[in-house]
Amino acid sequence: GIGPGKADEKGRIFYISPSGRFAITRPLNGEPSSWGNGST
């Protein structure tokens, strides 16, 4: 029930709901993205 993401001026994509925000971004340091092992 959450609407599509909206990009900000830096190209990050934000999803906004009454209970919080979720975002995706290219890493700002220019390095490849990575995921946290053990994170959920």
PDB file of all heavy atoms in Angstrom:
ATOM      1  N   GLY A   1       0.787  -1.232   0.000  1.00  0.00           N
ATOM      2  CA  GLY A   1       0.000   0.000   0.000  1.00  0.00           C
ATOM      3  C   GLY A   1       0.814   1.276   0.000  1.00  0.00           C
ATOM      4  O   GLY A   1       0.301   2.347   0.326  1.00  0.00           O
ATOM      5  N   ILE A   2       2.080   1.208  -0.396  1.00  0.00           N
ATOM      6  CA  ILE A   2       2.964   2.383  -0.430  1.00  0.00           C
ATOM      7  C   ILE A   2       3.186   2.775  -1.881  1.00  0.00           C
ATOM      8  O   ILE A   2       3.473   1.926  -2.729  1.00  0.00           O
ATOM      9  CB  ILE A   2       4.301   2.075   0.271  1.00  0.00           C
ATOM     10  CG1 ILE A   2       4.034   1.705   1.741  1.00  0.00           C
ATOM     11  CG2 ILE A   2       5.267   3.245   0.156  1.00  0.00           C
ATOM     12  CD1 ILE A   2       5.214   1.103   2.458  1.00  0.00           C
ATOM     13  N   GLY A   3       3.079   4.064  -2.168  1.00  0.00           N
ATOM     14  CA  GLY A   3       3.217   4.561  -3.533  1.00  0.00           C
ATOM     15  C   GLY A   3       4.625   4.453  -4.080  1.00  0.00           C
ATOM     16  O   GLY A   3       5.568   4.137  -3.356  1.00  0.00           O
ATOM     17  N   PRO A   4       4.781   4.746  -5.385  1.00  0.00           N
ATOM     18  CA  PRO A   4       6.092   4.640  -6.023  1.00  0.00           C
ATOM     19  C   PRO A   4       7.095   5.634  -5.444  1.00  0.00           C
ATOM     20  O   PRO A   4       6.733   6.669  -4.892  1.00  0.00           O
ATOM     21  CB  PRO A   4       5.808   4.947  -7.493  1.00  0.00           C
ATOM     22  CG  PRO A   4       4.468   5.563  -7.542  1.00  0.00           C
ATOM     23  CD  PRO A   4       3.741   5.183  -6.290  1.00  0.00           C
ATOM     24  N   GLY A   5       8.364   5.282  -5.586  1.00  0.00           N
ATOM     25  CA  GLY A   5       9.443   6.126  -5.088  1.00  0.00           C
ATOM     26  C   GLY A   5       9.592   7.400  -5.888  1.00  0.00           C
ATOM     27  O   GLY A   5       9.284   7.442  -7.084  1.00  0.00           O
ATOM     28  N   LYS A   6      10.077   8.430  -5.214  1.00  0.00           N
ATOM     29  CA  LYS A   6      10.327   9.737  -5.829  1.00  0.00           C
ATOM     30  C   LYS A   6      11.803  10.081  -5.677  1.00  0.00           C
ATOM     31  O   LYS A   6      12.378   9.926  -4.596  1.00  0.00           O
ATOM     32  CB  LYS A   6       9.498  10.825  -5.143  1.00  0.00           C
ATOM     33  CG  LYS A   6       8.016  10.542  -5.079  1.00  0.00           C
ATOM     34  CD  LYS A   6       7.353  10.870  -6.381  1.00  0.00           C
ATOM     35  CE  LYS A   6       5.847  10.750  -6.192  1.00  0.00           C
ATOM     36  NZ  LYS A   6       5.174  10.191  -7.274  1.00  0.00           N
ATOM     37  N   ALA A   7      12.408  10.577  -6.747  1.00  0.00           N
ATOM     38  CA  ALA A   7      13.827  10.943  -6.729  1.00  0.00           C
ATOM     39  C   ALA A   7      14.015  12.350  -6.173  1.00  0.00           C
ATOM     40  O   ALA A   7      13.203  13.236  -6.423  1.00  0.00           O
ATOM     41  CB  ALA A   7      14.405  10.861  -8.137  1.00  0.00           C
ATOM     42  N   ASP A   8      15.103  12.530  -5.415  1.00  0.00           N
ATOM     43  CA  ASP A   8      15.466  13.866  -4.948  1.00  0.00           C
ATOM     44  C   ASP A   8      16.508  14.448  -5.894  1.00  0.00           C
ATOM     45  O   ASP A   8      16.864  13.843  -6.914  1.00  0.00           O
ATOM     46  CB  ASP A   8      15.920  13.860  -3.484  1.00  0.00           C
ATOM     47  CG  ASP A   8      17.293  13.240  -3.264  1.00  0.00           C
ATOM     48  OD1 ASP A   8      17.955  12.792  -4.234  1.00  0.00           O
ATOM     49  OD2 ASP A   8      17.732  13.203  -2.099  1.00  0.00           O
ATOM     50  N   GLU A   9      17.038  15.617  -5.556  1.00  0.00           N
ATOM     51  CA  GLU A   9      17.993  16.309  -6.437  1.00  0.00           C
ATOM     52  C   GLU A   9      19.311  15.555  -6.598  1.00  0.00           C
ATOM     53  O   GLU A   9      20.055  15.784  -7.546  1.00  0.00           O
ATOM     54  CB  GLU A   9      18.252  17.734  -5.922  1.00  0.00           C
ATOM     55  CG  GLU A   9      18.956  17.819  -4.579  1.00  0.00           C
ATOM     56  CD  GLU A   9      18.064  17.580  -3.371  1.00  0.00           C
ATOM     57  OE1 GLU A   9      16.832  17.484  -3.516  1.00  0.00           O
ATOM     58  OE2 GLU A   9      18.605  17.461  -2.259  1.00  0.00           O
ATOM     59  N   LYS A  10      19.630  14.626  -5.692  1.00  0.00           N
ATOM     60  CA  LYS A  10      20.857  13.843  -5.795  1.00  0.00           C
ATOM     61  C   LYS A  10      20.628  12.497  -6.483  1.00  0.00           C
ATOM     62  O   LYS A  10      21.538  11.689  -6.590  1.00  0.00           O
ATOM     63  CB  LYS A  10      21.442  13.601  -4.402  1.00  0.00           C
ATOM     64  CG  LYS A  10      21.942  14.870  -3.746  1.00  0.00           C
ATOM     65  CD  LYS A  10      22.562  14.562  -2.399  1.00  0.00           C
ATOM     66  CE  LYS A  10      23.083  15.846  -1.770  1.00  0.00           C
ATOM     67  NZ  LYS A  10      23.660  15.588  -0.441  1.00  0.00           N
ATOM     68  N   GLY A  11      19.386  12.225  -6.921  1.00  0.00           N
ATOM     69  CA  GLY A  11      19.071  10.978  -7.596  1.00  0.00           C
ATOM     70  C   GLY A  11      18.689   9.841  -6.665  1.00  0.00           C
ATOM     71  O   GLY A  11      18.426   8.736  -7.119  1.00  0.00           O
ATOM     72  N   ARG A  12      18.674  10.097  -5.363  1.00  0.00           N
ATOM     73  CA  ARG A  12      18.241   9.074  -4.414  1.00  0.00           C
ATOM     74  C   ARG A  12      16.730   8.884  -4.551  1.00  0.00           C
ATOM     75  O   ARG A  12      16.011   9.837  -4.824  1.00  0.00           O
ATOM     76  CB  ARG A  12      18.588   9.493  -2.980  1.00  0.00           C
ATOM     77  CG  ARG A  12      20.077   9.713  -2.788  1.00  0.00           C
ATOM     78  CD  ARG A  12      20.398  10.274  -1.426  1.00  0.00           C
ATOM     79  NE  ARG A  12      19.783  11.594  -1.292  1.00  0.00           N
ATOM     80  CZ  ARG A  12      20.035  12.425  -0.282  1.00  0.00           C
ATOM     81  NH1 ARG A  12      20.856  12.074   0.684  1.00  0.00           N
ATOM     82  NH2 ARG A  12      19.447  13.604  -0.234  1.00  0.00           N
ATOM     83  N   ILE A  13      16.261   7.667  -4.350  1.00  0.00           N
ATOM     84  CA  ILE A  13      14.839   7.353  -4.475  1.00  0.00           C
ATOM     85  C   ILE A  13      14.269   7.157  -3.070  1.00  0.00           C
ATOM     86  O   ILE A  13      14.781   6.334  -2.308  1.00  0.00           O
ATOM     87  CB  ILE A  13      14.611   6.072  -5.309  1.00  0.00           C
ATOM     88  CG1 ILE A  13      15.373   6.120  -6.640  1.00  0.00           C
ATOM     89  CG2 ILE A  13      13.123   5.820  -5.504  1.00  0.00           C
ATOM     90  CD1 ILE A  13      14.935   7.188  -7.591  1.00  0.00           C
ATOM     91  N   PHE A  14      13.198   7.900  -2.746  1.00  0.00           N
ATOM     92  CA  PHE A  14      12.582   7.831  -1.427  1.00  0.00           C
ATOM     93  C   PHE A  14      11.163   7.290  -1.516  1.00  0.00           C
ATOM     94  O   PHE A  14      10.396   7.654  -2.408  1.00  0.00           O
ATOM     95  CB  PHE A  14      12.537   9.221  -0.777  1.00  0.00           C
ATOM     96  CG  PHE A  14      13.864   9.665  -0.248  1.00  0.00           C
ATOM     97  CD1 PHE A  14      14.768  10.330  -1.063  1.00  0.00           C
ATOM     98  CD2 PHE A  14      14.221   9.422   1.074  1.00  0.00           C
ATOM     99  CE1 PHE A  14      16.001  10.745  -0.581  1.00  0.00           C
ATOM    100  CE2 PHE A  14      15.443   9.835   1.567  1.00  0.00           C
ATOM    101  CZ  PHE A  14      16.340  10.493   0.741  1.00  0.00           C
ATOM    102  N   TYR A  15      10.830   6.428  -0.552  1.00  0.00           N
ATOM    103  CA  TYR A  15       9.485   5.897  -0.353  1.00  0.00           C
ATOM    104  C   TYR A  15       9.024   6.417   1.004  1.00  0.00           C
ATOM    105  O   TYR A  15       9.719   6.217   2.007  1.00  0.00           O
ATOM    106  CB  TYR A  15       9.488   4.370  -0.374  1.00  0.00           C
ATOM    107  CG  TYR A  15       9.934   3.846  -1.719  1.00  0.00           C
ATOM    108  CD1 TYR A  15      11.279   3.685  -2.013  1.00  0.00           C
ATOM    109  CD2 TYR A  15       9.003   3.543  -2.698  1.00  0.00           C
ATOM    110  CE1 TYR A  15      11.690   3.236  -3.261  1.00  0.00           C
ATOM    111  CE2 TYR A  15       9.401   3.088  -3.949  1.00  0.00           C
ATOM    112  CZ  TYR A  15      10.749   2.949  -4.214  1.00  0.00           C
ATOM    113  OH  TYR A  15      11.148   2.506  -5.452  1.00  0.00           O
ATOM    114  N   ILE A  16       7.886   7.077   1.020  1.00  0.00           N
ATOM    115  CA  ILE A  16       7.424   7.739   2.239  1.00  0.00           C
ATOM    116  C   ILE A  16       6.085   7.142   2.664  1.00  0.00           C
ATOM    117  O   ILE A  16       5.167   7.014   1.855  1.00  0.00           O
ATOM    118  CB  ILE A  16       7.292   9.257   2.001  1.00  0.00           C
ATOM    119  CG1 ILE A  16       8.657   9.823   1.582  1.00  0.00           C
ATOM    120  CG2 ILE A  16       6.753   9.960   3.236  1.00  0.00           C
ATOM    121  CD1 ILE A  16       8.626  11.241   1.066  1.00  0.00           C
ATOM    122  N   SER A  17       6.023   6.767   3.940  1.00  0.00           N
ATOM    123  CA  SER A  17       4.785   6.257   4.515  1.00  0.00           C
ATOM    124  C   SER A  17       4.571   6.946   5.857  1.00  0.00           C
ATOM    125  O   SER A  17       5.492   7.593   6.367  1.00  0.00           O
ATOM    126  CB  SER A  17       4.856   4.741   4.698  1.00  0.00           C
ATOM    127  OG  SER A  17       5.565   4.410   5.866  1.00  0.00           O
ATOM    128  N   PRO A  18       3.405   6.817   6.444  1.00  0.00           N
ATOM    129  CA  PRO A  18       3.165   7.426   7.754  1.00  0.00           C
ATOM    130  C   PRO A  18       4.105   6.901   8.843  1.00  0.00           C
ATOM    131  O   PRO A  18       4.332   7.583   9.838  1.00  0.00           O
ATOM    132  CB  PRO A  18       1.712   7.059   8.075  1.00  0.00           C
ATOM    133  CG  PRO A  18       1.080   6.799   6.754  1.00  0.00           C
ATOM    134  CD  PRO A  18       2.174   6.221   5.897  1.00  0.00           C
ATOM    135  N   SER A  19       4.674   5.710   8.652  1.00  0.00           N
ATOM    136  CA  SER A  19       5.514   5.136   9.699  1.00  0.00           C
ATOM    137  C   SER A  19       7.011   5.247   9.434  1.00  0.00           C
ATOM    138  O   SER A  19       7.812   4.748  10.207  1.00  0.00           O
ATOM    139  CB  SER A  19       5.136   3.671   9.914  1.00  0.00           C
ATOM    140  OG  SER A  19       5.328   2.937   8.731  1.00  0.00           O
ATOM    141  N   GLY A  20       7.417   5.899   8.360  1.00  0.00           N
ATOM    142  CA  GLY A  20       8.848   6.063   8.108  1.00  0.00           C
ATOM    143  C   GLY A  20       9.172   6.251   6.644  1.00  0.00           C
ATOM    144  O   GLY A  20       8.294   6.308   5.790  1.00  0.00           O
ATOM    145  N   ARG A  21      10.455   6.323   6.400  1.00  0.00           N
ATOM    146  CA  ARG A  21      10.973   6.509   5.039  1.00  0.00           C
ATOM    147  C   ARG A  21      11.997   5.429   4.726  1.00  0.00           C
ATOM    148  O   ARG A  21      12.755   5.019   5.593  1.00  0.00           O
ATOM    149  CB  ARG A  21      11.629   7.876   4.892  1.00  0.00           C
ATOM    150  CG  ARG A  21      10.644   8.995   5.021  1.00  0.00           C
ATOM    151  CD  ARG A  21      11.322  10.349   5.031  1.00  0.00           C
ATOM    152  NE  ARG A  21      10.310  11.365   5.242  1.00  0.00           N
ATOM    153  CZ  ARG A  21      10.145  12.408   4.459  1.00  0.00           C
ATOM    154  NH1 ARG A  21      10.938  12.607   3.441  1.00  0.00           N
ATOM    155  NH2 ARG A  21       9.186  13.273   4.709  1.00  0.00           N
ATOM    156  N   PHE A  22      12.005   5.035   3.462  1.00  0.00           N
ATOM    157  CA  PHE A  22      12.974   4.066   2.963  1.00  0.00           C
ATOM    158  C   PHE A  22      13.575   4.677   1.711  1.00  0.00           C
ATOM    159  O   PHE A  22      12.868   5.297   0.911  1.00  0.00           O
ATOM    160  CB  PHE A  22      12.288   2.735   2.632  1.00  0.00           C
ATOM    161  CG  PHE A  22      13.239   1.689   2.134  1.00  0.00           C
ATOM    162  CD1 PHE A  22      13.949   0.907   3.031  1.00  0.00           C
ATOM    163  CD2 PHE A  22      13.428   1.500   0.785  1.00  0.00           C
ATOM    164  CE1 PHE A  22      14.837  -0.048   2.577  1.00  0.00           C
ATOM    165  CE2 PHE A  22      14.314   0.545   0.310  1.00  0.00           C
ATOM    166  CZ  PHE A  22      15.020  -0.238   1.220  1.00  0.00           C
ATOM    167  N   ALA A  23      14.889   4.516   1.536  1.00  0.00           N
ATOM    168  CA  ALA A  23      15.542   5.126   0.385  1.00  0.00           C
ATOM    169  C   ALA A  23      16.579   4.185  -0.215  1.00  0.00           C
ATOM    170  O   ALA A  23      17.148   3.342   0.474  1.00  0.00           O
ATOM    171  CB  ALA A  23      16.210   6.428   0.788  1.00  0.00           C
ATOM    172  N   ILE A  24      16.803   4.359  -1.525  1.00  0.00           N
ATOM    173  CA  ILE A  24      17.884   3.672  -2.222  1.00  0.00           C
ATOM    174  C   ILE A  24      18.764   4.737  -2.862  1.00  0.00           C
ATOM    175  O   ILE A  24      18.286   5.783  -3.303  1.00  0.00           O
ATOM    176  CB  ILE A  24      17.354   2.667  -3.271  1.00  0.00           C
ATOM    177  CG1 ILE A  24      16.347   3.326  -4.229  1.00  0.00           C
ATOM    178  CG2 ILE A  24      16.747   1.464  -2.600  1.00  0.00           C
ATOM    179  CD1 ILE A  24      15.828   2.409  -5.331  1.00  0.00           C
ATOM    180  N   THR A  25      20.061   4.477  -2.890  1.00  0.00           N
ATOM    181  CA  THR A  25      21.007   5.454  -3.410  1.00  0.00           C
ATOM    182  C   THR A  25      22.237   4.762  -3.972  1.00  0.00           C
ATOM    183  O   THR A  25      22.602   3.672  -3.518  1.00  0.00           O
ATOM    184  CB  THR A  25      21.441   6.443  -2.307  1.00  0.00           C
ATOM    185  OG1 THR A  25      22.281   7.452  -2.878  1.00  0.00           O
ATOM    186  CG2 THR A  25      22.203   5.751  -1.182  1.00  0.00           C
ATOM    187  N   ARG A  26      22.862   5.390  -4.929  1.00  0.00           N
ATOM    188  CA  ARG A  26      24.215   4.983  -5.294  1.00  0.00           C
ATOM    189  C   ARG A  26      25.113   5.491  -4.167  1.00  0.00           C
ATOM    190  O   ARG A  26      24.900   6.590  -3.658  1.00  0.00           O
ATOM    191  CB  ARG A  26      24.632   5.627  -6.614  1.00  0.00           C
ATOM    192  CG  ARG A  26      23.974   5.013  -7.819  1.00  0.00           C
ATOM    193  CD  ARG A  26      24.531   5.601  -9.125  1.00  0.00           C
ATOM    194  NE  ARG A  26      23.729   5.165 -10.236  1.00  0.00           N
ATOM    195  CZ  ARG A  26      22.661   5.817 -10.707  1.00  0.00           C
ATOM    196  NH1 ARG A  26      22.296   6.960 -10.190  1.00  0.00           N
ATOM    197  NH2 ARG A  26      21.973   5.320 -11.720  1.00  0.00           N
ATOM    198  N   PRO A  27      26.109   4.711  -3.754  1.00  0.00           N
ATOM    199  CA  PRO A  27      26.969   5.180  -2.679  1.00  0.00           C
ATOM    200  C   PRO A  27      27.600   6.535  -3.027  1.00  0.00           C
ATOM    201  O   PRO A  27      28.109   6.727  -4.133  1.00  0.00           O
ATOM    202  CB  PRO A  27      28.022   4.087  -2.549  1.00  0.00           C
ATOM    203  CG  PRO A  27      27.303   2.850  -3.007  1.00  0.00           C
ATOM    204  CD  PRO A  27      26.419   3.328  -4.136  1.00  0.00           C
ATOM    205  N   LEU A  28      27.533   7.450  -2.075  1.00  0.00           N
ATOM    206  CA  LEU A  28      28.026   8.808  -2.315  1.00  0.00           C
ATOM    207  C   LEU A  28      29.540   8.868  -2.451  1.00  0.00           C
ATOM    208  O   LEU A  28      30.074   9.816  -3.022  1.00  0.00           O
ATOM    209  CB  LEU A  28      27.555   9.744  -1.198  1.00  0.00           C
ATOM    210  CG  LEU A  28      26.034   9.887  -1.092  1.00  0.00           C
ATOM    211  CD1 LEU A  28      25.679  10.818   0.064  1.00  0.00           C
ATOM    212  CD2 LEU A  28      25.435  10.399  -2.387  1.00  0.00           C
ATOM    213  N   ASN A  29      30.253   7.845  -1.952  1.00  0.00           N
ATOM    214  CA  ASN A  29      31.717   7.838  -2.063  1.00  0.00           C
ATOM    215  C   ASN A  29      32.199   7.304  -3.402  1.00  0.00           C
ATOM    216  O   ASN A  29      33.400   7.216  -3.643  1.00  0.00           O
ATOM    217  CB  ASN A  29      32.339   7.048  -0.912  1.00  0.00           C
ATOM    218  CG  ASN A  29      31.998   5.571  -0.954  1.00  0.00           C
ATOM    219  OD1 ASN A  29      31.332   5.074  -1.868  1.00  0.00           O
ATOM    220  ND2 ASN A  29      32.442   4.851   0.066  1.00  0.00           N
ATOM    221  N   GLY A  30      31.267   6.917  -4.290  1.00  0.00           N
ATOM    222  CA  GLY A  30      31.637   6.432  -5.618  1.00  0.00           C
ATOM    223  C   GLY A  30      32.040   4.970  -5.668  1.00  0.00           C
ATOM    224  O   GLY A  30      32.287   4.441  -6.752  1.00  0.00           O
ATOM    225  N   GLU A  31      32.131   4.312  -4.537  1.00  0.00           N
ATOM    226  CA  GLU A  31      32.474   2.887  -4.492  1.00  0.00           C
ATOM    227  C   GLU A  31      31.235   2.055  -4.826  1.00  0.00           C
ATOM    228  O   GLU A  31      30.110   2.540  -4.723  1.00  0.00           O
ATOM    229  CB  GLU A  31      32.988   2.520  -3.097  1.00  0.00           C
ATOM    230  CG  GLU A  31      34.269   3.231  -2.698  1.00  0.00           C
ATOM    231  CD  GLU A  31      35.461   2.793  -3.526  1.00  0.00           C
ATOM    232  OE1 GLU A  31      35.553   1.599  -3.860  1.00  0.00           O
ATOM    233  OE2 GLU A  31      36.296   3.658  -3.854  1.00  0.00           O
ATOM    234  N   PRO A  32      31.408   0.779  -5.190  1.00  0.00           N
ATOM    235  CA  PRO A  32      30.250  -0.087  -5.448  1.00  0.00           C
ATOM    236  C   PRO A  32      29.427  -0.282  -4.174  1.00  0.00           C
ATOM    237  O   PRO A  32      29.972  -0.269  -3.067  1.00  0.00           O
ATOM    238  CB  PRO A  32      30.877  -1.413  -5.894  1.00  0.00           C
ATOM    239  CG  PRO A  32      32.276  -1.087  -6.285  1.00  0.00           C
ATOM    240  CD  PRO A  32      32.676   0.108  -5.471  1.00  0.00           C
ATOM    241  N   SER A  33      28.142  -0.495  -4.341  1.00  0.00           N
ATOM    242  CA  SER A  33      27.291  -0.779  -3.186  1.00  0.00           C
ATOM    243  C   SER A  33      27.598  -2.178  -2.674  1.00  0.00           C
ATOM    244  O   SER A  33      28.131  -3.017  -3.396  1.00  0.00           O
ATOM    245  CB  SER A  33      25.815  -0.648  -3.549  1.00  0.00           C
ATOM    246  OG  SER A  33      25.430  -1.678  -4.426  1.00  0.00           O
ATOM    247  N   SER A  34      27.263  -2.417  -1.418  1.00  0.00           N
ATOM    248  CA  SER A  34      27.402  -3.747  -0.838  1.00  0.00           C
ATOM    249  C   SER A  34      26.308  -3.929   0.203  1.00  0.00           C
ATOM    250  O   SER A  34      25.725  -2.956   0.685  1.00  0.00           O
ATOM    251  CB  SER A  34      28.781  -3.935  -0.199  1.00  0.00           C
ATOM    252  OG  SER A  34      28.954  -3.020   0.861  1.00  0.00           O
ATOM    253  N   TRP A  35      26.022  -5.172   0.549  1.00  0.00           N
ATOM    254  CA  TRP A  35      24.989  -5.460   1.537  1.00  0.00           C
ATOM    255  C   TRP A  35      25.627  -6.016   2.787  1.00  0.00           C
ATOM    256  O   TRP A  35      26.717  -6.569   2.749  1.00  0.00           O
ATOM    257  CB  TRP A  35      23.934  -6.404   0.978  1.00  0.00           C
ATOM    258  CG  TRP A  35      24.502  -7.607   0.278  1.00  0.00           C
ATOM    259  CD1 TRP A  35      24.834  -7.689  -1.045  1.00  0.00           C
ATOM    260  CD2 TRP A  35      24.844  -8.864   0.859  1.00  0.00           C
ATOM    261  NE1 TRP A  35      25.344  -8.930  -1.324  1.00  0.00           N
ATOM    262  CE2 TRP A  35      25.362  -9.680  -0.166  1.00  0.00           C
ATOM    263  CE3 TRP A  35      24.754  -9.399   2.126  1.00  0.00           C
ATOM    264  CZ2 TRP A  35      25.790 -10.977   0.040  1.00  0.00           C
ATOM    265  CZ3 TRP A  35      25.174 -10.698   2.335  1.00  0.00           C
ATOM    266  CH2 TRP A  35      25.689 -11.472   1.300  1.00  0.00           C
ATOM    267  N   GLY A  36      24.949  -5.862   3.893  1.00  0.00           N
ATOM    268  CA  GLY A  36      25.460  -6.312   5.179  1.00  0.00           C
ATOM    269  C   GLY A  36      25.097  -7.756   5.457  1.00  0.00           C
ATOM    270  O   GLY A  36      23.918  -8.088   5.543  1.00  0.00           O
ATOM    271  N   ASN A  37      26.088  -8.615   5.593  1.00  0.00           N
ATOM    272  CA  ASN A  37      25.836 -10.008   5.924  1.00  0.00           C
ATOM    273  C   ASN A  37      25.325 -10.081   7.357  1.00  0.00           C
ATOM    274  O   ASN A  37      25.958  -9.572   8.271  1.00  0.00           O
ATOM    275  CB  ASN A  37      27.110 -10.823   5.751  1.00  0.00           C
ATOM    276  CG  ASN A  37      26.853 -12.305   5.834  1.00  0.00           C
ATOM    277  OD1 ASN A  37      25.726 -12.754   5.670  1.00  0.00           O
ATOM    278  ND2 ASN A  37      27.891 -13.069   6.089  1.00  0.00           N
ATOM    279  N   GLY A  38      24.166 -10.689   7.552  1.00  0.00           N
ATOM    280  CA  GLY A  38      23.537 -10.758   8.862  1.00  0.00           C
ATOM    281  C   GLY A  38      22.511  -9.663   9.090  1.00  0.00           C
ATOM    282  O   GLY A  38      21.803  -9.663  10.086  1.00  0.00           O
ATOM    283  N   SER A  39      22.403  -8.731   8.159  1.00  0.00           N
ATOM    284  CA  SER A  39      21.441  -7.631   8.271  1.00  0.00           C
ATOM    285  C   SER A  39      20.134  -8.006   7.591  1.00  0.00           C
ATOM    286  O   SER A  39      20.141  -8.671   6.556  1.00  0.00           O
ATOM    287  CB  SER A  39      21.986  -6.368   7.606  1.00  0.00           C
ATOM    288  OG  SER A  39      23.181  -5.971   8.225  1.00  0.00           O
ATOM    289  N   THR A  40      19.026  -7.556   8.160  1.00  0.00           N
ATOM    290  CA  THR A  40      17.706  -7.729   7.549  1.00  0.00           C
ATOM    291  C   THR A  40      16.914  -6.459   7.776  1.00  0.00           C
ATOM    292  O   THR A  40      16.935  -5.900   8.872  1.00  0.00           O
ATOM    293  CB  THR A  40      16.930  -8.901   8.180  1.00  0.00           C
ATOM    294  OG1 THR A  40      17.697 -10.098   8.041  1.00  0.00           O
ATOM    295  CG2 THR A  40      15.575  -9.091   7.515  1.00  0.00           C
TER     296      THR A  40
END
